[in-house]
Amino acid sequence: MPPYKLLVGFELRVSGTLAKLLTSQETARGTPTLMVLTFTNVGTERFPGGRVRKLAIYQAGPMAGMSKEAALDENESSIGALAPDESSKPISVPVALEWDGLARVELQIAAVDGQQIEHHQRRAFSTGNTWHAFFYSVVRENLQTVELLDRIAKTLERAEK
């Protein structure tokens, strides 16, 4: 039987005032962030369900060395059965990185029946039995400086009127 094919959706959600300065692929060092994962069955066979068995974040680039593994309990990491082209409910994982710069997130999914899974970043691009993506952890103090400068500019604009 051919492997199941799951497309992994990934975005970062930062709350608070810094959120407006970040994209869905960025966080800020030390800032509580939700990593939101969704899974879409892009194969022709029904996916029987499974769970995220590994979720890790690694520091990437020339300063690589730090890593963080998410501890997911059975309920947080489960993916229900999916018909072809059906998507799962989002799985939200809280993270806060201790470093600035490039980061790589990696995950593996195990099907309940033990069959192999192809992880996809796009429908036509498989990453094999492990999915990964890159995102950026911005220097928090730089964002706070930009935010402060924006408030000063708005105050000056109001004073001129």
N, C-alpha and C. Protein backbone atom coordinates (compact mmCIF):
# COMPACT_ATOMS: atom_id res chain seq x y z
N MET A 1 0.85 -1.18 0.00
CA MET A 1 0.00 0.00 0.00
C MET A 1 0.89 1.25 0.00
N PRO A 2 0.58 2.24 -0.83
CA PRO A 2 1.41 3.46 -0.87
C PRO A 2 1.31 4.22 0.45
N PRO A 3 2.30 5.06 0.76
CA PRO A 3 2.25 5.82 2.02
C PRO A 3 1.14 6.87 2.00
N TYR A 4 0.67 7.21 3.19
CA TYR A 4 -0.27 8.32 3.32
C TYR A 4 0.48 9.60 2.98
N LYS A 5 -0.25 10.62 2.53
CA LYS A 5 0.37 11.89 2.16
C LYS A 5 -0.33 13.01 2.93
N LEU A 6 0.43 13.67 3.82
CA LEU A 6 -0.13 14.75 4.62
C LEU A 6 0.61 16.06 4.34
N LEU A 7 -0.14 17.07 4.00
CA LEU A 7 0.38 18.42 3.82
C LEU A 7 0.33 19.10 5.18
N VAL A 8 1.46 19.62 5.63
CA VAL A 8 1.54 20.26 6.94
C VAL A 8 1.46 21.77 6.78
N GLY A 9 0.49 22.38 7.46
CA GLY A 9 0.37 23.83 7.51
C GLY A 9 1.03 24.33 8.78
N PHE A 10 1.74 25.44 8.69
CA PHE A 10 2.52 25.94 9.82
C PHE A 10 2.45 27.46 9.89
N GLU A 11 2.13 27.98 11.05
CA GLU A 11 2.21 29.42 11.26
C GLU A 11 2.50 29.70 12.73
N LEU A 12 3.09 30.86 12.97
CA LEU A 12 3.38 31.31 14.33
C LEU A 12 2.43 32.46 14.67
N ARG A 13 1.88 32.41 15.88
CA ARG A 13 0.99 33.47 16.33
C ARG A 13 1.54 34.07 17.62
N VAL A 14 1.88 35.34 17.52
CA VAL A 14 2.41 36.09 18.66
C VAL A 14 1.31 37.04 19.11
N SER A 15 1.04 37.08 20.40
CA SER A 15 0.03 38.02 20.89
C SER A 15 0.74 39.23 21.49
N GLY A 16 -0.01 40.27 21.72
CA GLY A 16 0.56 41.48 22.31
C GLY A 16 0.95 42.49 21.26
N THR A 17 1.61 43.54 21.70
CA THR A 17 1.91 44.67 20.83
C THR A 17 2.94 44.35 19.75
N LEU A 18 3.79 43.36 19.97
CA LEU A 18 4.81 43.03 18.98
C LEU A 18 4.23 42.29 17.77
N ALA A 19 3.04 41.73 17.91
CA ALA A 19 2.45 40.91 16.86
C ALA A 19 2.32 41.66 15.54
N LYS A 20 1.98 42.95 15.60
CA LYS A 20 1.78 43.71 14.36
C LYS A 20 3.07 43.92 13.58
N LEU A 21 4.22 43.68 14.20
CA LEU A 21 5.52 43.88 13.55
C LEU A 21 6.09 42.58 12.98
N LEU A 22 5.39 41.47 13.16
CA LEU A 22 5.91 40.16 12.76
C LEU A 22 5.01 39.50 11.72
N THR A 23 5.61 38.66 10.88
CA THR A 23 4.84 37.86 9.94
C THR A 23 4.45 36.54 10.60
N SER A 24 3.71 35.72 9.88
CA SER A 24 3.30 34.43 10.42
C SER A 24 4.44 33.41 10.44
N GLN A 25 5.62 33.81 9.97
CA GLN A 25 6.80 32.94 9.99
C GLN A 25 7.89 33.53 10.87
N GLU A 26 7.50 34.43 11.80
CA GLU A 26 8.47 35.06 12.70
C GLU A 26 7.95 35.07 14.13
N THR A 27 8.89 35.04 15.05
CA THR A 27 8.62 35.24 16.46
C THR A 27 9.71 36.17 16.99
N ALA A 28 9.65 36.50 18.26
CA ALA A 28 10.70 37.31 18.88
C ALA A 28 11.25 36.53 20.06
N ARG A 29 12.55 36.60 20.24
CA ARG A 29 13.20 35.86 21.33
C ARG A 29 12.49 36.11 22.66
N GLY A 30 12.19 35.02 23.37
CA GLY A 30 11.60 35.10 24.69
C GLY A 30 10.13 35.47 24.72
N THR A 31 9.50 35.59 23.57
CA THR A 31 8.10 36.00 23.49
C THR A 31 7.20 34.77 23.39
N PRO A 32 6.21 34.65 24.28
CA PRO A 32 5.29 33.52 24.17
C PRO A 32 4.62 33.51 22.79
N THR A 33 4.69 32.38 22.13
CA THR A 33 4.22 32.23 20.76
C THR A 33 3.47 30.91 20.64
N LEU A 34 2.42 30.91 19.86
CA LEU A 34 1.73 29.65 19.55
C LEU A 34 2.17 29.19 18.17
N MET A 35 2.67 27.98 18.10
CA MET A 35 2.97 27.34 16.82
C MET A 35 1.72 26.57 16.46
N VAL A 36 1.10 26.95 15.34
CA VAL A 36 -0.16 26.33 14.93
C VAL A 36 0.09 25.43 13.73
N LEU A 37 -0.28 24.16 13.88
CA LEU A 37 -0.07 23.15 12.84
C LEU A 37 -1.41 22.61 12.37
N THR A 38 -1.56 22.48 11.06
CA THR A 38 -2.73 21.82 10.50
C THR A 38 -2.25 20.75 9.53
N PHE A 39 -3.08 19.76 9.29
CA PHE A 39 -2.71 18.64 8.44
C PHE A 39 -3.83 18.39 7.44
N THR A 40 -3.46 18.31 6.16
CA THR A 40 -4.43 18.05 5.10
C THR A 40 -4.03 16.77 4.38
N ASN A 41 -4.98 15.88 4.19
CA ASN A 41 -4.73 14.64 3.48
C ASN A 41 -4.68 14.96 1.98
N VAL A 42 -3.49 14.92 1.39
CA VAL A 42 -3.35 15.20 -0.05
C VAL A 42 -3.18 13.91 -0.86
N GLY A 43 -3.41 12.80 -0.22
CA GLY A 43 -3.34 11.51 -0.91
C GLY A 43 -4.72 11.08 -1.40
N THR A 44 -4.76 9.91 -2.02
CA THR A 44 -6.02 9.38 -2.53
C THR A 44 -6.68 8.42 -1.55
N GLU A 45 -5.93 7.98 -0.54
CA GLU A 45 -6.45 7.04 0.47
C GLU A 45 -6.89 7.80 1.71
N ARG A 46 -7.87 7.26 2.41
CA ARG A 46 -8.30 7.84 3.69
C ARG A 46 -7.16 7.67 4.70
N PHE A 47 -6.84 8.75 5.41
CA PHE A 47 -5.85 8.69 6.49
C PHE A 47 -6.58 8.28 7.76
N PRO A 48 -6.14 7.19 8.43
CA PRO A 48 -6.90 6.67 9.57
C PRO A 48 -6.74 7.46 10.87
N GLY A 49 -5.88 8.44 10.86
CA GLY A 49 -5.58 9.19 12.07
C GLY A 49 -4.19 8.84 12.57
N GLY A 50 -3.70 9.64 13.48
CA GLY A 50 -2.37 9.41 14.03
C GLY A 50 -2.05 10.46 15.07
N ARG A 51 -0.77 10.64 15.29
CA ARG A 51 -0.35 11.65 16.26
C ARG A 51 1.02 12.19 15.88
N VAL A 52 1.30 13.40 16.34
CA VAL A 52 2.63 13.98 16.17
C VAL A 52 3.51 13.30 17.20
N ARG A 53 4.49 12.56 16.74
CA ARG A 53 5.33 11.82 17.70
C ARG A 53 6.62 12.55 18.01
N LYS A 54 7.00 13.51 17.17
CA LYS A 54 8.20 14.30 17.45
C LYS A 54 7.96 15.71 16.94
N LEU A 55 8.27 16.69 17.76
CA LEU A 55 8.23 18.10 17.37
C LEU A 55 9.42 18.77 18.04
N ALA A 56 10.36 19.22 17.23
CA ALA A 56 11.57 19.83 17.77
C ALA A 56 11.90 21.09 16.99
N ILE A 57 12.53 22.03 17.66
CA ILE A 57 12.99 23.27 17.04
C ILE A 57 14.49 23.35 17.25
N TYR A 58 15.20 23.64 16.17
CA TYR A 58 16.66 23.70 16.21
C TYR A 58 17.14 25.07 15.76
N GLN A 59 18.16 25.56 16.42
CA GLN A 59 18.80 26.79 15.96
C GLN A 59 19.52 26.44 14.66
N ALA A 60 19.36 27.27 13.64
CA ALA A 60 19.97 27.00 12.34
C ALA A 60 20.97 28.11 12.02
N GLY A 61 21.72 27.90 10.97
CA GLY A 61 22.68 28.92 10.55
C GLY A 61 24.03 28.74 11.22
N PRO A 62 24.90 29.75 11.09
CA PRO A 62 26.28 29.63 11.56
C PRO A 62 26.41 29.49 13.08
N MET A 63 25.41 29.93 13.83
CA MET A 63 25.48 29.85 15.29
C MET A 63 24.69 28.66 15.83
N ALA A 64 24.40 27.69 14.99
CA ALA A 64 23.56 26.54 15.37
C ALA A 64 24.13 25.83 16.58
N GLY A 65 23.25 25.26 17.36
CA GLY A 65 23.68 24.51 18.53
C GLY A 65 22.57 24.31 19.54
N MET A 66 21.67 25.28 19.68
CA MET A 66 20.60 25.16 20.65
C MET A 66 19.42 24.42 20.04
N SER A 67 18.65 23.74 20.88
CA SER A 67 17.45 23.07 20.39
C SER A 67 16.41 23.04 21.49
N LYS A 68 15.18 22.76 21.09
CA LYS A 68 14.07 22.72 22.04
C LYS A 68 13.10 21.65 21.53
N GLU A 69 12.75 20.73 22.37
CA GLU A 69 11.79 19.70 21.98
C GLU A 69 10.48 19.95 22.71
N ALA A 70 9.39 19.93 21.99
CA ALA A 70 8.08 20.17 22.59
C ALA A 70 7.57 18.87 23.19
N ALA A 71 7.07 18.97 24.41
CA ALA A 71 6.47 17.82 25.07
C ALA A 71 4.96 17.88 24.82
N LEU A 72 4.48 16.96 24.00
CA LEU A 72 3.06 16.93 23.65
C LEU A 72 2.41 15.72 24.30
N ASP A 73 1.28 15.94 24.96
CA ASP A 73 0.58 14.77 25.49
C ASP A 73 -0.29 14.17 24.39
N GLU A 74 -0.84 13.02 24.66
CA GLU A 74 -1.60 12.26 23.66
C GLU A 74 -2.75 13.07 23.06
N ASN A 75 -3.47 13.83 23.89
CA ASN A 75 -4.60 14.62 23.39
C ASN A 75 -4.16 15.78 22.51
N GLU A 76 -3.08 16.45 22.92
CA GLU A 76 -2.59 17.61 22.15
C GLU A 76 -2.06 17.20 20.78
N SER A 77 -1.53 16.02 20.67
CA SER A 77 -0.81 15.63 19.46
C SER A 77 -1.61 14.75 18.52
N SER A 78 -2.86 14.46 18.83
CA SER A 78 -3.61 13.53 17.99
C SER A 78 -4.22 14.22 16.77
N ILE A 79 -4.23 13.47 15.67
CA ILE A 79 -4.81 13.91 14.41
C ILE A 79 -5.90 12.91 14.07
N GLY A 80 -7.10 13.38 13.87
CA GLY A 80 -8.22 12.49 13.57
C GLY A 80 -8.13 11.93 12.15
N ALA A 81 -9.01 10.99 11.86
CA ALA A 81 -9.08 10.42 10.51
C ALA A 81 -9.44 11.51 9.51
N LEU A 82 -8.83 11.45 8.31
CA LEU A 82 -9.05 12.47 7.29
C LEU A 82 -9.34 11.82 5.93
N ALA A 83 -10.43 12.23 5.32
CA ALA A 83 -10.72 11.82 3.95
C ALA A 83 -9.78 12.59 3.01
N PRO A 84 -9.63 12.15 1.76
CA PRO A 84 -8.81 12.93 0.82
C PRO A 84 -9.29 14.39 0.74
N ASP A 85 -8.34 15.31 0.77
CA ASP A 85 -8.56 16.77 0.74
C ASP A 85 -9.21 17.33 2.01
N GLU A 86 -9.35 16.53 3.04
CA GLU A 86 -9.89 17.02 4.32
C GLU A 86 -8.73 17.49 5.20
N SER A 87 -8.99 18.55 5.99
CA SER A 87 -7.97 19.09 6.90
C SER A 87 -8.35 18.83 8.35
N SER A 88 -7.34 18.74 9.17
CA SER A 88 -7.53 18.50 10.60
C SER A 88 -7.86 19.79 11.33
N LYS A 89 -8.27 19.63 12.57
CA LYS A 89 -8.37 20.78 13.46
C LYS A 89 -6.94 21.21 13.78
N PRO A 90 -6.73 22.51 13.99
CA PRO A 90 -5.37 22.97 14.30
C PRO A 90 -4.87 22.41 15.63
N ILE A 91 -3.58 22.14 15.67
CA ILE A 91 -2.90 21.79 16.90
C ILE A 91 -2.04 22.99 17.26
N SER A 92 -2.23 23.54 18.46
CA SER A 92 -1.47 24.71 18.91
C SER A 92 -0.48 24.30 19.97
N VAL A 93 0.78 24.67 19.76
CA VAL A 93 1.85 24.32 20.67
C VAL A 93 2.52 25.60 21.16
N PRO A 94 2.50 25.87 22.48
CA PRO A 94 3.17 27.07 22.98
C PRO A 94 4.69 26.91 22.95
N VAL A 95 5.38 27.93 22.45
CA VAL A 95 6.84 27.94 22.42
C VAL A 95 7.34 29.34 22.76
N ALA A 96 8.56 29.41 23.25
CA ALA A 96 9.27 30.68 23.46
C ALA A 96 10.75 30.35 23.26
N LEU A 97 11.34 30.90 22.22
CA LEU A 97 12.74 30.60 21.92
C LEU A 97 13.68 31.46 22.75
N GLU A 98 14.83 30.90 23.09
CA GLU A 98 15.83 31.61 23.87
C GLU A 98 16.91 32.21 22.99
N TRP A 99 16.75 32.11 21.67
CA TRP A 99 17.78 32.62 20.77
C TRP A 99 17.19 33.47 19.66
N ASP A 100 18.07 34.28 19.05
CA ASP A 100 17.70 35.08 17.89
C ASP A 100 18.20 34.37 16.65
N GLY A 101 17.58 34.65 15.52
CA GLY A 101 18.07 34.15 14.25
C GLY A 101 17.22 33.04 13.67
N LEU A 102 17.81 32.38 12.70
CA LEU A 102 17.13 31.34 11.95
C LEU A 102 16.88 30.11 12.81
N ALA A 103 15.69 29.53 12.66
CA ALA A 103 15.33 28.32 13.39
C ALA A 103 14.66 27.35 12.42
N ARG A 104 14.80 26.06 12.72
CA ARG A 104 14.18 25.02 11.90
C ARG A 104 13.28 24.20 12.81
N VAL A 105 12.04 24.03 12.38
CA VAL A 105 11.11 23.18 13.11
C VAL A 105 11.00 21.86 12.34
N GLU A 106 10.97 20.78 13.09
CA GLU A 106 10.93 19.44 12.48
C GLU A 106 9.89 18.61 13.21
N LEU A 107 9.10 17.87 12.44
CA LEU A 107 8.14 16.99 13.09
C LEU A 107 7.99 15.68 12.33
N GLN A 108 7.53 14.68 13.06
CA GLN A 108 7.21 13.38 12.49
C GLN A 108 5.84 12.98 12.99
N ILE A 109 5.08 12.37 12.09
CA ILE A 109 3.73 11.92 12.41
C ILE A 109 3.70 10.40 12.30
N ALA A 110 3.04 9.76 13.23
CA ALA A 110 2.86 8.31 13.19
C ALA A 110 1.38 8.01 12.94
N ALA A 111 1.10 7.19 11.94
CA ALA A 111 -0.28 6.77 11.66
C ALA A 111 -0.69 5.70 12.67
N VAL A 112 -1.98 5.66 13.01
CA VAL A 112 -2.45 4.67 14.00
C VAL A 112 -2.24 3.24 13.52
N ASP A 113 -2.24 3.01 12.21
CA ASP A 113 -2.04 1.66 11.69
C ASP A 113 -0.56 1.36 11.39
N GLY A 114 0.34 2.30 11.71
CA GLY A 114 1.77 2.08 11.53
C GLY A 114 2.28 2.26 10.11
N GLN A 115 1.40 2.58 9.18
CA GLN A 115 1.83 2.75 7.79
C GLN A 115 2.67 4.02 7.63
N GLN A 116 3.57 4.02 6.68
CA GLN A 116 4.45 5.15 6.44
C GLN A 116 3.66 6.39 5.97
N ILE A 117 4.19 7.57 6.29
CA ILE A 117 3.56 8.84 5.91
C ILE A 117 4.58 9.69 5.17
N GLU A 118 4.15 10.24 4.03
CA GLU A 118 4.95 11.25 3.33
C GLU A 118 4.48 12.59 3.86
N HIS A 119 5.42 13.39 4.36
CA HIS A 119 5.12 14.73 4.85
C HIS A 119 5.34 15.71 3.70
N HIS A 120 4.37 16.59 3.47
CA HIS A 120 4.46 17.55 2.36
C HIS A 120 4.49 18.98 2.86
N GLN A 121 5.35 19.81 2.23
CA GLN A 121 5.34 21.26 2.48
C GLN A 121 4.39 21.95 1.51
N ARG A 122 4.31 21.42 0.32
CA ARG A 122 3.34 21.84 -0.70
C ARG A 122 2.79 20.56 -1.29
N ARG A 123 1.68 20.64 -1.97
CA ARG A 123 1.06 19.42 -2.50
C ARG A 123 2.04 18.59 -3.34
N ALA A 124 2.86 19.25 -4.14
CA ALA A 124 3.74 18.52 -5.06
C ALA A 124 5.15 18.32 -4.50
N PHE A 125 5.40 18.70 -3.25
CA PHE A 125 6.76 18.60 -2.70
C PHE A 125 6.74 17.86 -1.39
N SER A 126 7.30 16.66 -1.40
CA SER A 126 7.38 15.82 -0.20
C SER A 126 8.73 15.99 0.47
N THR A 127 8.73 16.00 1.79
CA THR A 127 9.99 16.02 2.54
C THR A 127 10.29 14.64 3.13
N GLY A 128 9.61 13.62 2.64
CA GLY A 128 9.87 12.26 3.11
C GLY A 128 9.17 11.97 4.42
N ASN A 129 9.86 11.21 5.29
CA ASN A 129 9.21 10.79 6.53
C ASN A 129 9.36 11.79 7.68
N THR A 130 10.02 12.92 7.41
CA THR A 130 10.13 14.00 8.40
C THR A 130 9.80 15.31 7.71
N TRP A 131 8.95 16.13 8.34
CA TRP A 131 8.61 17.44 7.80
C TRP A 131 9.47 18.49 8.49
N HIS A 132 9.88 19.50 7.75
CA HIS A 132 10.63 20.60 8.36
C HIS A 132 10.34 21.91 7.64
N ALA A 133 10.51 22.97 8.36
CA ALA A 133 10.35 24.32 7.80
C ALA A 133 11.26 25.25 8.59
N PHE A 134 11.52 26.41 8.01
CA PHE A 134 12.37 27.39 8.67
C PHE A 134 11.54 28.62 9.04
N PHE A 135 11.91 29.26 10.13
CA PHE A 135 11.32 30.53 10.52
C PHE A 135 12.38 31.35 11.22
N TYR A 136 12.03 32.58 11.58
CA TYR A 136 13.03 33.49 12.12
C TYR A 136 12.61 33.99 13.50
N SER A 137 13.56 34.01 14.41
CA SER A 137 13.38 34.57 15.74
C SER A 137 14.08 35.93 15.77
N VAL A 138 13.29 36.99 15.86
CA VAL A 138 13.79 38.36 15.76
C VAL A 138 14.30 38.82 17.13
N VAL A 139 15.26 39.73 17.12
CA VAL A 139 15.76 40.32 18.37
C VAL A 139 14.63 41.17 18.97
N ARG A 140 14.15 40.78 20.13
CA ARG A 140 13.00 41.44 20.76
C ARG A 140 13.26 42.92 21.01
N GLU A 141 14.45 43.26 21.44
CA GLU A 141 14.76 44.66 21.74
C GLU A 141 14.67 45.54 20.49
N ASN A 142 15.03 45.00 19.33
CA ASN A 142 14.90 45.76 18.08
C ASN A 142 13.43 46.05 17.78
N LEU A 143 12.57 45.07 18.00
CA LEU A 143 11.13 45.28 17.78
C LEU A 143 10.58 46.32 18.75
N GLN A 144 11.03 46.26 20.00
CA GLN A 144 10.56 47.23 20.99
C GLN A 144 11.01 48.64 20.62
N THR A 145 12.20 48.77 20.05
CA THR A 145 12.69 50.07 19.59
C THR A 145 11.82 50.59 18.46
N VAL A 146 11.50 49.74 17.49
CA VAL A 146 10.63 50.14 16.37
C VAL A 146 9.26 50.56 16.90
N GLU A 147 8.73 49.80 17.83
CA GLU A 147 7.43 50.12 18.41
C GLU A 147 7.48 51.47 19.13
N LEU A 148 8.53 51.74 19.89
CA LEU A 148 8.68 53.02 20.59
C LEU A 148 8.81 54.18 19.61
N LEU A 149 9.60 54.00 18.57
CA LEU A 149 9.74 55.05 17.55
C LEU A 149 8.40 55.35 16.87
N ASP A 150 7.62 54.31 16.63
CA ASP A 150 6.30 54.50 16.03
C ASP A 150 5.40 55.32 16.95
N ARG A 151 5.42 55.04 18.24
CA ARG A 151 4.61 55.81 19.19
C ARG A 151 5.07 57.26 19.27
N ILE A 152 6.39 57.50 19.24
CA ILE A 152 6.92 58.86 19.26
C ILE A 152 6.47 59.62 18.02
N ALA A 153 6.57 58.97 16.84
CA ALA A 153 6.14 59.61 15.59
C ALA A 153 4.66 59.98 15.63
N LYS A 154 3.82 59.10 16.15
CA LYS A 154 2.38 59.38 16.24
C LYS A 154 2.11 60.52 17.22
N THR A 155 2.85 60.56 18.32
CA THR A 155 2.69 61.65 19.28
C THR A 155 3.07 62.99 18.66
N LEU A 156 4.16 63.00 17.91
CA LEU A 156 4.61 64.23 17.23
C LEU A 156 3.61 64.67 16.19
N GLU A 157 3.02 63.74 15.45
CA GLU A 157 2.00 64.07 14.44
C GLU A 157 0.78 64.72 15.10
N ARG A 158 0.35 64.15 16.23
CA ARG A 158 -0.81 64.72 16.95
C ARG A 158 -0.49 66.11 17.48
N ALA A 159 0.74 66.33 17.95
CA ALA A 159 1.15 67.63 18.49
C ALA A 159 1.19 68.71 17.41
N GLU A 160 1.49 68.31 16.17
CA GLU A 160 1.57 69.26 15.06
C GLU A 160 0.19 69.71 14.60
N LYS A 161 -0.85 68.96 14.88
CA LYS A 161 -2.21 69.30 14.40
C LYS A 161 -2.85 70.34 15.24
